[in-house]
Amino acid sequence: MSFHYEIRLSGAGGQGLILVGKILAEAAAIYDDKNATQSQSYGPEARGGASRSEVIISDGDIDYPKATNIDLLLAMTQEAVDKYANDIKPDGVIIVDSGFVKNNPKGDFKLYSFPITEIAEEKIGKKLVANIIALGVIEKLSGIISEEAIINAIRARVPKGTEEINIKAFKQGRDLL
């Protein structure tokens, strides 16, 4: 049975969502031998403006590189969840950062709410790795990319010298479930 899985990562510029998209796509395509495409868009400002990254993972051909039938939405800000919650398919998954999303959407989806940025600050000591904590949650919830593939992609994609703290953050995210 073939699969086609669409992920939208959304929040504010500077939260590292483009990096997470690249890690997901690379983990799927290079380390798990699946087809993947990744696209991104930024708001008017590089930091603080709206930011979005989309990843499509499939075991077959990907005919269109934009996500149109979202299986999983990560919303790191209230603006992101307000804007994209309606794009989630029935029985899809929405993950929100409860530190920034106070009004959770209602609908025919599974909602997971974690204080992602707060956990990054308290457990890892760096707010900057909130994106990688979210990646751990995504990997565990979706089950479409192996943990090993994600770790390999983290090692290849994060700035040199930060690999171990990012892997620690990834595992922290996995442990939330």
Protein backbone atom coordinates (compact mmCIF):
# COMPACT_ATOMS: atom_id res chain seq x y z
CA MET A 1 0.00 0.00 0.00
CA SER A 2 1.45 3.35 -1.00
CA PHE A 3 1.51 6.45 1.14
CA HIS A 4 1.66 10.19 0.61
CA TYR A 5 2.17 12.37 3.70
CA GLU A 6 2.04 16.18 3.78
CA ILE A 7 3.50 18.29 6.59
CA ARG A 8 3.22 22.06 7.07
CA LEU A 9 5.55 23.73 9.57
CA SER A 10 4.39 27.23 10.44
CA GLY A 11 5.28 30.03 12.81
CA ALA A 12 7.45 33.10 12.88
CA GLY A 13 10.68 33.76 11.04
CA GLY A 14 13.69 32.89 13.14
CA GLN A 15 12.08 29.81 14.73
CA GLY A 16 14.04 27.44 12.49
CA LEU A 17 11.10 25.91 10.67
CA ILE A 18 12.82 26.01 7.28
CA LEU A 19 15.71 24.01 8.79
CA VAL A 20 13.26 21.44 10.20
CA GLY A 21 11.67 21.11 6.76
CA LYS A 22 15.06 20.51 5.19
CA ILE A 23 15.96 17.93 7.86
CA LEU A 24 12.66 16.08 7.32
CA ALA A 25 13.04 16.02 3.55
CA GLU A 26 16.69 14.98 3.71
CA ALA A 27 15.98 12.25 6.29
CA ALA A 28 13.24 10.82 4.08
CA ALA A 29 15.02 11.08 0.73
CA ILE A 30 18.63 10.33 1.62
CA TYR A 31 18.47 8.12 4.70
CA ASP A 32 15.06 6.38 4.39
CA ASP A 33 14.98 5.99 0.59
CA LYS A 34 11.62 7.71 0.11
CA ASN A 35 10.61 10.50 -2.25
CA ALA A 36 10.42 13.94 -0.67
CA THR A 37 9.98 17.55 -1.64
CA GLN A 38 10.39 20.64 0.52
CA SER A 39 9.24 24.20 -0.11
CA GLN A 40 9.27 27.33 1.99
CA SER A 41 7.94 30.86 2.21
CA TYR A 42 8.81 33.81 4.41
CA GLY A 43 6.83 36.78 5.58
CA PRO A 44 7.91 40.37 4.97
CA GLU A 45 10.62 40.24 7.62
CA ALA A 46 13.22 37.50 7.94
CA ARG A 47 12.82 37.34 11.72
CA GLY A 48 9.42 37.74 13.30
CA GLY A 49 7.35 37.68 10.11
CA ALA A 50 5.30 34.65 9.12
CA SER A 51 7.29 31.62 8.06
CA ARG A 52 6.16 28.35 6.48
CA SER A 53 7.86 25.21 5.28
CA GLU A 54 6.11 22.30 3.62
CA VAL A 55 7.37 18.75 3.21
CA ILE A 56 5.76 16.00 1.19
CA ILE A 57 6.98 12.45 1.71
CA SER A 58 5.84 9.56 -0.47
CA ASP A 59 6.85 6.13 -1.57
CA GLY A 60 5.62 7.03 -5.07
CA ASP A 61 5.99 9.99 -7.39
CA ILE A 62 5.20 13.47 -6.06
CA ASP A 63 3.35 15.28 -8.83
CA TYR A 64 2.93 18.65 -7.11
CA PRO A 65 5.48 20.13 -4.68
CA LYS A 66 3.02 22.17 -2.56
CA ALA A 67 1.03 20.68 0.31
CA THR A 68 -2.69 20.70 -0.50
CA ASN A 69 -4.06 17.96 1.76
CA ILE A 70 -2.20 18.45 5.06
CA ASP A 71 -1.70 15.38 7.27
CA LEU A 72 0.24 17.18 9.99
CA LEU A 73 0.45 20.86 10.92
CA LEU A 74 3.00 22.29 13.34
CA ALA A 75 1.89 25.73 14.51
CA MET A 76 4.42 27.57 16.66
CA THR A 77 2.36 30.81 16.88
CA GLN A 78 -1.30 31.77 17.27
CA GLU A 79 -1.21 33.44 13.85
CA ALA A 80 -0.02 30.18 12.28
CA VAL A 81 -2.74 28.01 13.81
CA ASP A 82 -5.42 30.59 12.98
CA LYS A 83 -4.25 30.74 9.37
CA TYR A 84 -3.67 27.04 8.65
CA ALA A 85 -5.88 24.90 10.94
CA ASN A 86 -8.63 24.79 8.31
CA ASP A 87 -6.19 23.25 5.79
CA ILE A 88 -5.76 20.06 7.83
CA LYS A 89 -7.45 16.98 6.44
CA PRO A 90 -10.00 15.06 8.54
CA ASP A 91 -8.25 12.94 11.17
CA GLY A 92 -5.05 14.90 10.59
CA VAL A 93 -2.75 16.08 13.37
CA ILE A 94 -2.10 19.58 14.68
CA ILE A 95 0.80 20.22 17.06
CA VAL A 96 0.90 23.61 18.78
CA ASP A 97 3.35 25.36 21.08
CA SER A 98 1.11 26.06 24.08
CA GLY A 99 3.40 28.90 25.15
CA PHE A 100 2.31 30.90 22.09
CA VAL A 101 -1.02 29.34 21.09
CA LYS A 102 -3.72 30.20 23.64
CA ASN A 103 -6.82 29.64 21.48
CA ASN A 104 -6.71 26.07 20.21
CA PRO A 105 -8.64 25.32 17.04
CA LYS A 106 -11.60 22.98 17.03
CA GLY A 107 -12.26 20.46 14.31
CA ASP A 108 -12.01 16.92 13.05
CA PHE A 109 -8.32 16.43 13.86
CA LYS A 110 -6.07 15.30 16.69
CA LEU A 111 -4.61 18.21 18.65
CA TYR A 112 -1.37 17.98 20.62
CA SER A 113 -0.34 20.95 22.73
CA PHE A 114 3.10 21.17 24.35
CA PRO A 115 5.07 24.09 25.81
CA ILE A 116 7.77 23.46 23.19
CA THR A 117 9.76 26.68 23.56
CA GLU A 118 9.54 26.55 27.35
CA ILE A 119 10.84 22.96 27.34
CA ALA A 120 13.72 24.03 25.10
CA GLU A 121 14.66 26.75 27.57
CA GLU A 122 14.21 24.71 30.76
CA LYS A 123 15.39 21.22 29.75
CA ILE A 124 18.02 22.03 27.12
CA GLY A 125 18.98 25.56 28.16
CA LYS A 126 18.48 27.07 24.70
CA LYS A 127 15.25 28.47 23.27
CA LEU A 128 16.84 28.10 19.85
CA VAL A 129 16.30 24.31 19.78
CA ALA A 130 12.48 24.49 20.14
CA ASN A 131 12.26 23.63 16.44
CA ILE A 132 14.22 20.41 16.97
CA ILE A 133 12.06 19.47 19.96
CA ALA A 134 9.05 19.90 17.67
CA LEU A 135 10.83 17.68 15.12
CA GLY A 136 11.03 14.92 17.74
CA VAL A 137 7.28 15.18 18.33
CA ILE A 138 6.62 15.10 14.57
CA GLU A 139 8.81 12.02 14.04
CA LYS A 140 7.18 10.10 16.89
CA LEU A 141 3.59 11.05 15.98
CA SER A 142 3.86 10.51 12.24
CA GLY A 143 6.00 7.39 12.23
CA ILE A 144 6.85 7.96 8.56
CA ILE A 145 10.58 8.60 8.93
CA SER A 146 12.89 6.54 11.09
CA GLU A 147 14.52 8.00 14.18
CA GLU A 148 17.93 7.01 12.79
CA ALA A 149 17.30 8.87 9.52
CA ILE A 150 16.33 12.05 11.39
CA ILE A 151 19.42 11.86 13.61
CA ASN A 152 21.62 11.42 10.53
CA ALA A 153 19.97 14.42 8.87
CA ILE A 154 20.35 16.51 12.04
CA ARG A 155 24.08 15.72 12.11
CA ALA A 156 24.36 16.76 8.45
CA ARG A 157 22.23 19.93 8.60
CA VAL A 158 22.72 21.74 11.93
CA PRO A 159 25.68 24.08 12.44
CA LYS A 160 28.91 22.24 13.24
CA GLY A 161 29.48 21.97 16.96
CA THR A 162 25.74 21.93 17.78
CA GLU A 163 24.99 18.37 16.69
CA GLU A 164 24.80 16.85 20.18
CA ILE A 165 22.60 19.54 21.73
CA ASN A 166 20.25 19.24 18.74
CA ILE A 167 20.08 15.45 19.06
CA LYS A 168 19.36 15.89 22.78
CA ALA A 169 16.53 18.31 21.85
CA PHE A 170 15.18 15.85 19.26
CA LYS A 171 15.07 13.07 21.86
CA GLN A 172 13.41 15.43 24.34
CA GLY A 173 10.64 16.00 21.78
CA ARG A 174 10.20 12.25 21.23
CA ASP A 175 9.92 11.77 24.99
CA LEU A 176 6.91 14.09 25.18
CA LEU A 177 4.77 11.27 23.77
